[in-house]
Amino acid sequence: MHNNRTTILALDPGLRDLGFAVLRGQKLVASGVRRLRLLPTQQRIREARAQVKTWMATYHPDALVLESTHRHPVDWLDAVDRFAGSVRRLGRRRHMTVATYAPQTVRKGLIGNGWATKTETATAIAHRFPALRIYLTQDRKWKERYFLNMFDAIALALYHQTRMR
C-alpha cells in the first residue's frame, strides 16, 4: 500500500555537481546542488558519499532514487558509476527502497516526452513548485545548467512517487 508520507531522497549523480531532492508526500522538503568541481578529483567521491550520508541522517528517507549510470572505459567517467553503485549499496544497507531510472523514462513519465530537454522538464517541475521558478532564468548560462541538476533530482523523486501508487 502506498504511504503518502513516504520520504524520497533522489540524486542526479555527478562528480562535478550533485543534484538532490527530498520529497515527503506531496511536499518538496529540500532540494539543491552540491558543488564538487572545486575539490581535487580524488576527494570528490568521498565528499559526495559523505554528503549523501548527511542527507540520509537528516531526512530519514524510506526510498533512494538515482538516475541510472553505466560503466565507462574512461576512468573519470566511470567514477560516476562507481559513486552511484556505492550509494545504492549504502541505501540497501539502511533498508531503503532503492531505484534507478533512465532520464528518458522519467521525462516520458512526467511530461509525456522522453526526448524533452532538461529545460522543458525543469519548466514543468517549476509549474508544480512555483517557488522554483527563480532557478529557471539566471543571469549566466552556467547557473541555469547548474540548477538543472536539482531539477533532474526532483523529476526522479516525482517519477518514483508515481511508480509507488
Foldseek 3Di string as FASTA:
>chain_A
DDDLQAWEWFWAFDLQKIWIWIDGRNDTPDTDIDGRNVDPLVCSLVVVVVVLVVCCVVPVGQEYEYEDADADPDVSRNVSVVSVVVVQVVCVVVVHHYYYHHQLVLCCQQPNGSPDDLLVLLVSVCVSVVVCPVQSDDPDPVSVVNCSRRSSRVSRVVSVSVVSD
